[in-house]
Amino acid sequence: SILLINDAAIERCIEEGRGMKYMSEHFGISNQALEIRLKFYLMFN
């Protein structure tokens, strides 16, 4: 999940105000995997 969308990529999306659909499509990660990835990002970071 980190290889698909790394921390810096998530932070860039947050700064740019990107939504779930953009993140899923741009980084080629399913919604389910993205939800889990974002959850762990918020917990660990």
ModelCIF file with pLDDT and N, C-alpha, C, O atoms, coordinates in Angstrom:
data_MODEL
#
_entry.id   MODEL 
#
_entity.id                         1 
_entity.type                       polymer 
_entity.pdbx_number_of_molecules   1 
#
_entity_poly.entity_id                      1 
_entity_poly.type                           'polypeptide(L)' 
_entity_poly.nstd_linkage                   no 
_entity_poly.nstd_monomer                   no 
_entity_poly.pdbx_seq_one_letter_code       SILLINDAAIERCIEEGRGMKYMSEHFGISNQALEIRLKFYLMFN 
_entity_poly.pdbx_seq_one_letter_code_can   SILLINDAAIERCIEEGRGMKYMSEHFGISNQALEIRLKFYLMFN 
_entity_poly.pdbx_strand_id                 A 
#
loop_
_entity_poly_seq.entity_id 
_entity_poly_seq.num 
_entity_poly_seq.mon_id 
_entity_poly_seq.hetero 
1 1  SER n 
1 2  ILE n 
1 3  LEU n 
1 4  LEU n 
1 5  ILE n 
1 6  ASN n 
1 7  ASP n 
1 8  ALA n 
1 9  ALA n 
1 10 ILE n 
1 11 GLU n 
1 12 ARG n 
1 13 CYS n 
1 14 ILE n 
1 15 GLU n 
1 16 GLU n 
1 17 GLY n 
1 18 ARG n 
1 19 GLY n 
1 20 MET n 
1 21 LYS n 
1 22 TYR n 
1 23 MET n 
1 24 SER n 
1 25 GLU n 
1 26 HIS n 
1 27 PHE n 
1 28 GLY n 
1 29 ILE n 
1 30 SER n 
1 31 ASN n 
1 32 GLN n 
1 33 ALA n 
1 34 LEU n 
1 35 GLU n 
1 36 ILE n 
1 37 ARG n 
1 38 LEU n 
1 39 LYS n 
1 40 PHE n 
1 41 TYR n 
1 42 LEU n 
1 43 MET n 
1 44 PHE n 
1 45 ASN n 
#
_struct_asym.id          A 
_struct_asym.entity_id   1 
#
loop_
_ma_qa_metric.id 
_ma_qa_metric.mode 
_ma_qa_metric.name 
_ma_qa_metric.software_group_id 
_ma_qa_metric.type 
1 global pLDDT . pLDDT 
2 local  pLDDT . pLDDT 
#
_ma_qa_metric_global.metric_id      1 
_ma_qa_metric_global.metric_value   97.29 
_ma_qa_metric_global.model_id       1 
_ma_qa_metric_global.ordinal_id     1 
#
loop_
_ma_qa_metric_local.label_asym_id 
_ma_qa_metric_local.label_comp_id 
_ma_qa_metric_local.label_seq_id 
_ma_qa_metric_local.metric_id 
_ma_qa_metric_local.metric_value 
_ma_qa_metric_local.model_id 
_ma_qa_metric_local.ordinal_id 
A SER 1  2 97.00 1 1  
A ILE 2  2 98.00 1 2  
A LEU 3  2 98.00 1 3  
A LEU 4  2 98.00 1 4  
A ILE 5  2 98.00 1 5  
A ASN 6  2 98.00 1 6  
A ASP 7  2 98.00 1 7  
A ALA 8  2 98.00 1 8  
A ALA 9  2 98.00 1 9  
A ILE 10 2 98.00 1 10 
A GLU 11 2 98.00 1 11 
A ARG 12 2 98.00 1 12 
A CYS 13 2 98.00 1 13 
A ILE 14 2 97.00 1 14 
A GLU 15 2 97.00 1 15 
A GLU 16 2 97.00 1 16 
A GLY 17 2 96.00 1 17 
A ARG 18 2 97.00 1 18 
A GLY 19 2 96.00 1 19 
A MET 20 2 96.00 1 20 
A LYS 21 2 97.00 1 21 
A TYR 22 2 98.00 1 22 
A MET 23 2 98.00 1 23 
A SER 24 2 98.00 1 24 
A GLU 25 2 98.00 1 25 
A HIS 26 2 98.00 1 26 
A PHE 27 2 98.00 1 27 
A GLY 28 2 98.00 1 28 
A ILE 29 2 98.00 1 29 
A SER 30 2 97.00 1 30 
A ASN 31 2 97.00 1 31 
A GLN 32 2 96.00 1 32 
A ALA 33 2 97.00 1 33 
A LEU 34 2 98.00 1 34 
A GLU 35 2 98.00 1 35 
A ILE 36 2 96.00 1 36 
A ARG 37 2 98.00 1 37 
A LEU 38 2 98.00 1 38 
A LYS 39 2 97.00 1 39 
A PHE 40 2 96.00 1 40 
A TYR 41 2 97.00 1 41 
A LEU 42 2 97.00 1 42 
A MET 43 2 96.00 1 43 
A PHE 44 2 95.00 1 44 
A ASN 45 2 95.00 1 45 
#
loop_
_atom_site.group_PDB 
_atom_site.id 
_atom_site.type_symbol 
_atom_site.label_atom_id 
_atom_site.label_alt_id 
_atom_site.label_comp_id 
_atom_site.label_asym_id 
_atom_site.label_entity_id 
_atom_site.label_seq_id 
_atom_site.pdbx_PDB_ins_code 
_atom_site.Cartn_x 
_atom_site.Cartn_y 
_atom_site.Cartn_z 
_atom_site.occupancy 
_atom_site.B_iso_or_equiv 
_atom_site.pdbx_formal_charge 
_atom_site.auth_seq_id 
_atom_site.auth_comp_id 
_atom_site.auth_asym_id 
_atom_site.auth_atom_id 
_atom_site.pdbx_PDB_model_num 
ATOM 1   N N  . SER A 1 1  ? 0.824   -1.206 0.000   1.00 97.00 ? 1  SER A N  1 
ATOM 2   C CA . SER A 1 1  ? 0.000   0.000  0.000   1.00 97.00 ? 1  SER A CA 1 
ATOM 3   C C  . SER A 1 1  ? 0.863   1.264  0.000   1.00 97.00 ? 1  SER A C  1 
ATOM 4   O O  . SER A 1 1  ? 0.475   2.285  -0.566  1.00 97.00 ? 1  SER A O  1 
ATOM 5   N N  . ILE A 1 2  ? 2.034   1.188  0.637   1.00 98.00 ? 2  ILE A N  1 
ATOM 6   C CA . ILE A 1 2  ? 2.942   2.343  0.651   1.00 98.00 ? 2  ILE A CA 1 
ATOM 7   C C  . ILE A 1 2  ? 3.602   2.512  -0.717  1.00 98.00 ? 2  ILE A C  1 
ATOM 8   O O  . ILE A 1 2  ? 3.816   3.639  -1.164  1.00 98.00 ? 2  ILE A O  1 
ATOM 9   N N  . LEU A 1 3  ? 3.924   1.408  -1.381  1.00 98.00 ? 3  LEU A N  1 
ATOM 10  C CA . LEU A 1 3  ? 4.501   1.500  -2.718  1.00 98.00 ? 3  LEU A CA 1 
ATOM 11  C C  . LEU A 1 3  ? 3.505   2.130  -3.696  1.00 98.00 ? 3  LEU A C  1 
ATOM 12  O O  . LEU A 1 3  ? 3.898   2.845  -4.619  1.00 98.00 ? 3  LEU A O  1 
ATOM 13  N N  . LEU A 1 4  ? 2.230   1.862  -3.487  1.00 98.00 ? 4  LEU A N  1 
ATOM 14  C CA . LEU A 1 4  ? 1.206   2.404  -4.380  1.00 98.00 ? 4  LEU A CA 1 
ATOM 15  C C  . LEU A 1 4  ? 0.986   3.895  -4.147  1.00 98.00 ? 4  LEU A C  1 
ATOM 16  O O  . LEU A 1 4  ? 0.846   4.656  -5.105  1.00 98.00 ? 4  LEU A O  1 
ATOM 17  N N  . ILE A 1 5  ? 0.955   4.317  -2.895  1.00 98.00 ? 5  ILE A N  1 
ATOM 18  C CA . ILE A 1 5  ? 0.816   5.744  -2.586  1.00 98.00 ? 5  ILE A CA 1 
ATOM 19  C C  . ILE A 1 5  ? 1.582   6.022  -1.291  1.00 98.00 ? 5  ILE A C  1 
ATOM 20  O O  . ILE A 1 5  ? 1.125   5.688  -0.198  1.00 98.00 ? 5  ILE A O  1 
ATOM 21  N N  . ASN A 1 6  ? 2.737   6.629  -1.436  1.00 98.00 ? 6  ASN A N  1 
ATOM 22  C CA . ASN A 1 6  ? 3.622   6.832  -0.289  1.00 98.00 ? 6  ASN A CA 1 
ATOM 23  C C  . ASN A 1 6  ? 3.180   8.035  0.552   1.00 98.00 ? 6  ASN A C  1 
ATOM 24  O O  . ASN A 1 6  ? 2.266   8.770  0.180   1.00 98.00 ? 6  ASN A O  1 
ATOM 25  N N  . ASP A 1 7  ? 3.845   8.213  1.679   1.00 98.00 ? 7  ASP A N  1 
ATOM 26  C CA . ASP A 1 7  ? 3.479   9.288  2.607   1.00 98.00 ? 7  ASP A CA 1 
ATOM 27  C C  . ASP A 1 7  ? 3.545   10.664 1.950   1.00 98.00 ? 7  ASP A C  1 
ATOM 28  O O  . ASP A 1 7  ? 2.635   11.481 2.094   1.00 98.00 ? 7  ASP A O  1 
ATOM 29  N N  . ALA A 1 8  ? 4.642   10.906 1.224   1.00 98.00 ? 8  ALA A N  1 
ATOM 30  C CA . ALA A 1 8  ? 4.808   12.212 0.595   1.00 98.00 ? 8  ALA A CA 1 
ATOM 31  C C  . ALA A 1 8  ? 3.723   12.469 -0.441  1.00 98.00 ? 8  ALA A C  1 
ATOM 32  O O  . ALA A 1 8  ? 3.271   13.602 -0.609  1.00 98.00 ? 8  ALA A O  1 
ATOM 33  N N  . ALA A 1 9  ? 3.307   11.413 -1.135  1.00 98.00 ? 9  ALA A N  1 
ATOM 34  C CA . ALA A 1 9  ? 2.237   11.547 -2.119  1.00 98.00 ? 9  ALA A CA 1 
ATOM 35  C C  . ALA A 1 9  ? 0.908   11.876 -1.444  1.00 98.00 ? 9  ALA A C  1 
ATOM 36  O O  . ALA A 1 9  ? 0.139   12.703 -1.933  1.00 98.00 ? 9  ALA A O  1 
ATOM 37  N N  . ILE A 1 10 ? 0.650   11.220 -0.322  1.00 98.00 ? 10 ILE A N  1 
ATOM 38  C CA . ILE A 1 10 ? -0.571  11.519 0.432   1.00 98.00 ? 10 ILE A CA 1 
ATOM 39  C C  . ILE A 1 10 ? -0.548  12.966 0.905   1.00 98.00 ? 10 ILE A C  1 
ATOM 40  O O  . ILE A 1 10 ? -1.545  13.680 0.792   1.00 98.00 ? 10 ILE A O  1 
ATOM 41  N N  . GLU A 1 11 ? 0.587   13.391 1.431   1.00 98.00 ? 11 GLU A N  1 
ATOM 42  C CA . GLU A 1 11 ? 0.690   14.758 1.944   1.00 98.00 ? 11 GLU A CA 1 
ATOM 43  C C  . GLU A 1 11 ? 0.506   15.784 0.827   1.00 98.00 ? 11 GLU A C  1 
ATOM 44  O O  . GLU A 1 11 ? -0.096  16.837 1.036   1.00 98.00 ? 11 GLU A O  1 
ATOM 45  N N  . ARG A 1 12 ? 1.020   15.477 -0.339  1.00 98.00 ? 12 ARG A N  1 
ATOM 46  C CA . ARG A 1 12 ? 0.836   16.374 -1.475  1.00 98.00 ? 12 ARG A CA 1 
ATOM 47  C C  . ARG A 1 12 ? -0.646  16.453 -1.858  1.00 98.00 ? 12 ARG A C  1 
ATOM 48  O O  . ARG A 1 12 ? -1.162  17.530 -2.158  1.00 98.00 ? 12 ARG A O  1 
ATOM 49  N N  . CYS A 1 13 ? -1.313  15.311 -1.844  1.00 98.00 ? 13 CYS A N  1 
ATOM 50  C CA . CYS A 1 13 ? -2.747  15.295 -2.168  1.00 98.00 ? 13 CYS A CA 1 
ATOM 51  C C  . CYS A 1 13 ? -3.551  16.086 -1.145  1.00 98.00 ? 13 CYS A C  1 
ATOM 52  O O  . CYS A 1 13 ? -4.507  16.778 -1.495  1.00 98.00 ? 13 CYS A O  1 
ATOM 53  N N  . ILE A 1 14 ? -3.155  15.980 0.122   1.00 97.00 ? 14 ILE A N  1 
ATOM 54  C CA . ILE A 1 14 ? -3.830  16.735 1.176   1.00 97.00 ? 14 ILE A CA 1 
ATOM 55  C C  . ILE A 1 14 ? -3.655  18.229 0.940   1.00 97.00 ? 14 ILE A C  1 
ATOM 56  O O  . ILE A 1 14 ? -4.617  18.992 1.035   1.00 97.00 ? 14 ILE A O  1 
ATOM 57  N N  . GLU A 1 15 ? -2.445  18.645 0.636   1.00 97.00 ? 15 GLU A N  1 
ATOM 58  C CA . GLU A 1 15 ? -2.157  20.064 0.386   1.00 97.00 ? 15 GLU A CA 1 
ATOM 59  C C  . GLU A 1 15 ? -2.935  20.588 -0.816  1.00 97.00 ? 15 GLU A C  1 
ATOM 60  O O  . GLU A 1 15 ? -3.370  21.740 -0.825  1.00 97.00 ? 15 GLU A O  1 
ATOM 61  N N  . GLU A 1 16 ? -3.108  19.746 -1.825  1.00 97.00 ? 16 GLU A N  1 
ATOM 62  C CA . GLU A 1 16 ? -3.800  20.160 -3.043  1.00 97.00 ? 16 GLU A CA 1 
ATOM 63  C C  . GLU A 1 16 ? -5.318  19.973 -2.948  1.00 97.00 ? 16 GLU A C  1 
ATOM 64  O O  . GLU A 1 16 ? -6.049  20.309 -3.879  1.00 97.00 ? 16 GLU A O  1 
ATOM 65  N N  . GLY A 1 17 ? -5.781  19.440 -1.826  1.00 96.00 ? 17 GLY A N  1 
ATOM 66  C CA . GLY A 1 17 ? -7.214  19.258 -1.629  1.00 96.00 ? 17 GLY A CA 1 
ATOM 67  C C  . GLY A 1 17 ? -7.810  18.157 -2.487  1.00 96.00 ? 17 GLY A C  1 
ATOM 68  O O  . GLY A 1 17 ? -8.985  18.224 -2.849  1.00 96.00 ? 17 GLY A O  1 
ATOM 69  N N  . ARG A 1 18 ? -7.022  17.151 -2.815  1.00 97.00 ? 18 ARG A N  1 
ATOM 70  C CA . ARG A 1 18 ? -7.500  16.062 -3.656  1.00 97.00 ? 18 ARG A CA 1 
ATOM 71  C C  . ARG A 1 18 ? -8.445  15.144 -2.888  1.00 97.00 ? 18 ARG A C  1 
ATOM 72  O O  . ARG A 1 18 ? -8.309  14.958 -1.678  1.00 97.00 ? 18 ARG A O  1 
ATOM 73  N N  . GLY A 1 19 ? -9.391  14.583 -3.605  1.00 96.00 ? 19 GLY A N  1 
ATOM 74  C CA . GLY A 1 19 ? -10.350 13.675 -2.999  1.00 96.00 ? 19 GLY A CA 1 
ATOM 75  C C  . GLY A 1 19 ? -10.012 12.226 -3.254  1.00 96.00 ? 19 GLY A C  1 
ATOM 76  O O  . GLY A 1 19 ? -9.003  11.907 -3.883  1.00 96.00 ? 19 GLY A O  1 
ATOM 77  N N  . MET A 1 20 ? -10.867 11.355 -2.757  1.00 96.00 ? 20 MET A N  1 
ATOM 78  C CA . MET A 1 20 ? -10.663 9.914  -2.843  1.00 96.00 ? 20 MET A CA 1 
ATOM 79  C C  . MET A 1 20 ? -10.578 9.439  -4.302  1.00 96.00 ? 20 MET A C  1 
ATOM 80  O O  . MET A 1 20 ? -9.724  8.620  -4.641  1.00 96.00 ? 20 MET A O  1 
ATOM 81  N N  . LYS A 1 21 ? -11.454 9.949  -5.148  1.00 97.00 ? 21 LYS A N  1 
ATOM 82  C CA . LYS A 1 21 ? -11.497 9.484  -6.533  1.00 97.00 ? 21 LYS A CA 1 
ATOM 83  C C  . LYS A 1 21 ? -10.193 9.798  -7.249  1.00 97.00 ? 21 LYS A C  1 
ATOM 84  O O  . LYS A 1 21 ? -9.646  8.945  -7.948  1.00 97.00 ? 21 LYS A O  1 
ATOM 85  N N  . TYR A 1 22 ? -9.694  11.015 -7.082  1.00 98.00 ? 22 TYR A N  1 
ATOM 86  C CA . TYR A 1 22 ? -8.434  11.389 -7.726  1.00 98.00 ? 22 TYR A CA 1 
ATOM 87  C C  . TYR A 1 22 ? -7.304  10.490 -7.242  1.00 98.00 ? 22 TYR A C  1 
ATOM 88  O O  . TYR A 1 22 ? -6.530  9.978  -8.051  1.00 98.00 ? 22 TYR A O  1 
ATOM 89  N N  . MET A 1 23 ? -7.203  10.295 -5.938  1.00 98.00 ? 23 MET A N  1 
ATOM 90  C CA . MET A 1 23 ? -6.107  9.510  -5.377  1.00 98.00 ? 23 MET A CA 1 
ATOM 91  C C  . MET A 1 23 ? -6.155  8.077  -5.886  1.00 98.00 ? 23 MET A C  1 
ATOM 92  O O  . MET A 1 23 ? -5.122  7.497  -6.221  1.00 98.00 ? 23 MET A O  1 
ATOM 93  N N  . SER A 1 24 ? -7.344  7.510  -5.944  1.00 98.00 ? 24 SER A N  1 
ATOM 94  C CA . SER A 1 24 ? -7.499  6.138  -6.414  1.00 98.00 ? 24 SER A CA 1 
ATOM 95  C C  . SER A 1 24 ? -7.099  6.006  -7.880  1.00 98.00 ? 24 SER A C  1 
ATOM 96  O O  . SER A 1 24 ? -6.366  5.088  -8.249  1.00 98.00 ? 24 SER A O  1 
ATOM 97  N N  . GLU A 1 25 ? -7.576  6.913  -8.703  1.00 98.00 ? 25 GLU A N  1 
ATOM 98  C CA . GLU A 1 25 ? -7.311  6.831  -10.143 1.00 98.00 ? 25 GLU A CA 1 
ATOM 99  C C  . GLU A 1 25 ? -5.867  7.179  -10.480 1.00 98.00 ? 25 GLU A C  1 
ATOM 100 O O  . GLU A 1 25 ? -5.227  6.486  -11.271 1.00 98.00 ? 25 GLU A O  1 
ATOM 101 N N  . HIS A 1 26 ? -5.354  8.248  -9.884  1.00 98.00 ? 26 HIS A N  1 
ATOM 102 C CA . HIS A 1 26 ? -4.007  8.704  -10.224 1.00 98.00 ? 26 HIS A CA 1 
ATOM 103 C C  . HIS A 1 26 ? -2.947  7.703  -9.785  1.00 98.00 ? 26 HIS A C  1 
ATOM 104 O O  . HIS A 1 26 ? -1.969  7.483  -10.498 1.00 98.00 ? 26 HIS A O  1 
ATOM 105 N N  . PHE A 1 27 ? -3.130  7.101  -8.628  1.00 98.00 ? 27 PHE A N  1 
ATOM 106 C CA . PHE A 1 27 ? -2.120  6.197  -8.102  1.00 98.00 ? 27 PHE A CA 1 
ATOM 107 C C  . PHE A 1 27 ? -2.433  4.726  -8.359  1.00 98.00 ? 27 PHE A C  1 
ATOM 108 O O  . PHE A 1 27 ? -1.659  3.850  -7.973  1.00 98.00 ? 27 PHE A O  1 
ATOM 109 N N  . GLY A 1 28 ? -3.554  4.454  -9.003  1.00 98.00 ? 28 GLY A N  1 
ATOM 110 C CA . GLY A 1 28 ? -3.869  3.080  -9.376  1.00 98.00 ? 28 GLY A CA 1 
ATOM 111 C C  . GLY A 1 28 ? -4.066  2.156  -8.194  1.00 98.00 ? 28 GLY A C  1 
ATOM 112 O O  . GLY A 1 28 ? -3.576  1.027  -8.190  1.00 98.00 ? 28 GLY A O  1 
ATOM 113 N N  . ILE A 1 29 ? -4.782  2.636  -7.191  1.00 98.00 ? 29 ILE A N  1 
ATOM 114 C CA . ILE A 1 29 ? -5.042  1.859  -5.985  1.00 98.00 ? 29 ILE A CA 1 
ATOM 115 C C  . ILE A 1 29 ? -6.546  1.778  -5.769  1.00 98.00 ? 29 ILE A C  1 
ATOM 116 O O  . ILE A 1 29 ? -7.251  2.772  -5.937  1.00 98.00 ? 29 ILE A O  1 
ATOM 117 N N  . SER A 1 30 ? -7.032  0.621  -5.404  1.00 97.00 ? 30 SER A N  1 
ATOM 118 C CA . SER A 1 30 ? -8.472  0.447  -5.211  1.00 97.00 ? 30 SER A CA 1 
ATOM 119 C C  . SER A 1 30 ? -8.964  1.275  -4.036  1.00 97.00 ? 30 SER A C  1 
ATOM 120 O O  . SER A 1 30 ? -8.189  1.633  -3.150  1.00 97.00 ? 30 SER A O  1 
ATOM 121 N N  . ASN A 1 31 ? -10.246 1.575  -4.032  1.00 97.00 ? 31 ASN A N  1 
ATOM 122 C CA . ASN A 1 31 ? -10.821 2.347  -2.920  1.00 97.00 ? 31 ASN A CA 1 
ATOM 123 C C  . ASN A 1 31 ? -10.616 1.635  -1.592  1.00 97.00 ? 31 ASN A C  1 
ATOM 124 O O  . ASN A 1 31 ? -10.289 2.264  -0.585  1.00 97.00 ? 31 ASN A O  1 
ATOM 125 N N  . GLN A 1 32 ? -10.810 0.321  -1.594  1.00 96.00 ? 32 GLN A N  1 
ATOM 126 C CA . GLN A 1 32 ? -10.657 -0.436 -0.351  1.00 96.00 ? 32 GLN A CA 1 
ATOM 127 C C  . GLN A 1 32 ? -9.227  -0.350 0.179   1.00 96.00 ? 32 GLN A C  1 
ATOM 128 O O  . GLN A 1 32 ? -9.012  -0.094 1.363   1.00 96.00 ? 32 GLN A O  1 
ATOM 129 N N  . ALA A 1 33 ? -8.257  -0.565 -0.701  1.00 97.00 ? 33 ALA A N  1 
ATOM 130 C CA . ALA A 1 33 ? -6.857  -0.495 -0.275  1.00 97.00 ? 33 ALA A CA 1 
ATOM 131 C C  . ALA A 1 33 ? -6.480  0.926  0.142   1.00 97.00 ? 33 ALA A C  1 
ATOM 132 O O  . ALA A 1 33 ? -5.697  1.119  1.072   1.00 97.00 ? 33 ALA A O  1 
ATOM 133 N N  . LEU A 1 34 ? -7.042  1.918  -0.551  1.00 98.00 ? 34 LEU A N  1 
ATOM 134 C CA . LEU A 1 34 ? -6.756  3.315  -0.226  1.00 98.00 ? 34 LEU A CA 1 
ATOM 135 C C  . LEU A 1 34 ? -7.316  3.683  1.140   1.00 98.00 ? 34 LEU A C  1 
ATOM 136 O O  . LEU A 1 34 ? -6.659  4.380  1.913   1.00 98.00 ? 34 LEU A O  1 
ATOM 137 N N  . GLU A 1 35 ? -8.512  3.225  1.439   1.00 98.00 ? 35 GLU A N  1 
ATOM 138 C CA . GLU A 1 35 ? -9.102  3.495  2.757   1.00 98.00 ? 35 GLU A CA 1 
ATOM 139 C C  . GLU A 1 35 ? -8.203  2.969  3.868   1.00 98.00 ? 35 GLU A C  1 
ATOM 140 O O  . GLU A 1 35 ? -7.951  3.662  4.854   1.00 98.00 ? 35 GLU A O  1 
ATOM 141 N N  . ILE A 1 36 ? -7.726  1.751  3.703   1.00 96.00 ? 36 ILE A N  1 
ATOM 142 C CA . ILE A 1 36 ? -6.845  1.151  4.713   1.00 96.00 ? 36 ILE A CA 1 
ATOM 143 C C  . ILE A 1 36 ? -5.535  1.919  4.797   1.00 96.00 ? 36 ILE A C  1 
ATOM 144 O O  . ILE A 1 36 ? -5.014  2.160  5.886   1.00 96.00 ? 36 ILE A O  1 
ATOM 145 N N  . ARG A 1 37 ? -5.009  2.297  3.645   1.00 98.00 ? 37 ARG A N  1 
ATOM 146 C CA . ARG A 1 37 ? -3.750  3.038  3.600   1.00 98.00 ? 37 ARG A CA 1 
ATOM 147 C C  . ARG A 1 37 ? -3.877  4.382  4.318   1.00 98.00 ? 37 ARG A C  1 
ATOM 148 O O  . ARG A 1 37 ? -2.999  4.753  5.097   1.00 98.00 ? 37 ARG A O  1 
ATOM 149 N N  . LEU A 1 38 ? -4.959  5.108  4.061   1.00 98.00 ? 38 LEU A N  1 
ATOM 150 C CA . LEU A 1 38 ? -5.154  6.408  4.701   1.00 98.00 ? 38 LEU A CA 1 
ATOM 151 C C  . LEU A 1 38 ? -5.355  6.261  6.206   1.00 98.00 ? 38 LEU A C  1 
ATOM 152 O O  . LEU A 1 38 ? -4.886  7.086  6.991   1.00 98.00 ? 38 LEU A O  1 
ATOM 153 N N  . LYS A 1 39 ? -6.046  5.221  6.589   1.00 97.00 ? 39 LYS A N  1 
ATOM 154 C CA . LYS A 1 39 ? -6.265  4.967  8.016   1.00 97.00 ? 39 LYS A CA 1 
ATOM 155 C C  . LYS A 1 39 ? -4.923  4.766  8.718   1.00 97.00 ? 39 LYS A C  1 
ATOM 156 O O  . LYS A 1 39 ? -4.675  5.356  9.770   1.00 97.00 ? 39 LYS A O  1 
ATOM 157 N N  . PHE A 1 40 ? -4.061  3.933  8.137   1.00 96.00 ? 40 PHE A N  1 
ATOM 158 C CA . PHE A 1 40 ? -2.750  3.706  8.741   1.00 96.00 ? 40 PHE A CA 1 
ATOM 159 C C  . PHE A 1 40 ? -1.890  4.964  8.703   1.00 96.00 ? 40 PHE A C  1 
ATOM 160 O O  . PHE A 1 40 ? -1.131  5.230  9.635   1.00 96.00 ? 40 PHE A O  1 
ATOM 161 N N  . TYR A 1 41 ? -2.007  5.729  7.635   1.00 97.00 ? 41 TYR A N  1 
ATOM 162 C CA . TYR A 1 41 ? -1.253  6.991  7.542   1.00 97.00 ? 41 TYR A CA 1 
ATOM 163 C C  . TYR A 1 41 ? -1.612  7.910  8.707   1.00 97.00 ? 41 TYR A C  1 
ATOM 164 O O  . TYR A 1 41 ? -0.725  8.479  9.343   1.00 97.00 ? 41 TYR A O  1 
ATOM 165 N N  . LEU A 1 42 ? -2.892  8.057  8.986   1.00 97.00 ? 42 LEU A N  1 
ATOM 166 C CA . LEU A 1 42 ? -3.329  8.928  10.075  1.00 97.00 ? 42 LEU A CA 1 
ATOM 167 C C  . LEU A 1 42 ? -2.878  8.397  11.432  1.00 97.00 ? 42 LEU A C  1 
ATOM 168 O O  . LEU A 1 42 ? -2.526  9.170  12.323  1.00 97.00 ? 42 LEU A O  1 
ATOM 169 N N  . MET A 1 43 ? -2.889  7.081  11.581  1.00 96.00 ? 43 MET A N  1 
ATOM 170 C CA . MET A 1 43 ? -2.493  6.483  12.857  1.00 96.00 ? 43 MET A CA 1 
ATOM 171 C C  . MET A 1 43 ? -0.993  6.624  13.104  1.00 96.00 ? 43 MET A C  1 
ATOM 172 O O  . MET A 1 43 ? -0.574  7.052  14.180  1.00 96.00 ? 43 MET A O  1 
ATOM 173 N N  . PHE A 1 44 ? -0.194  6.266  12.110  1.00 95.00 ? 44 PHE A N  1 
ATOM 174 C CA . PHE A 1 44 ? 1.252   6.240  12.302  1.00 95.00 ? 44 PHE A CA 1 
ATOM 175 C C  . PHE A 1 44 ? 1.896   7.613  12.168  1.00 95.00 ? 44 PHE A C  1 
ATOM 176 O O  . PHE A 1 44 ? 2.875   7.903  12.855  1.00 95.00 ? 44 PHE A O  1 
ATOM 177 N N  . ASN A 1 45 ? 1.365   8.453  11.302  1.00 95.00 ? 45 ASN A N  1 
ATOM 178 C CA . ASN A 1 45 ? 2.000   9.740  11.042  1.00 95.00 ? 45 ASN A CA 1 
ATOM 179 C C  . ASN A 1 45 ? 1.451   10.879 11.888  1.00 95.00 ? 45 ASN A C  1 
ATOM 180 O O  . ASN A 1 45 ? 1.905   12.016 11.762  1.00 95.00 ? 45 ASN A O  1 
#
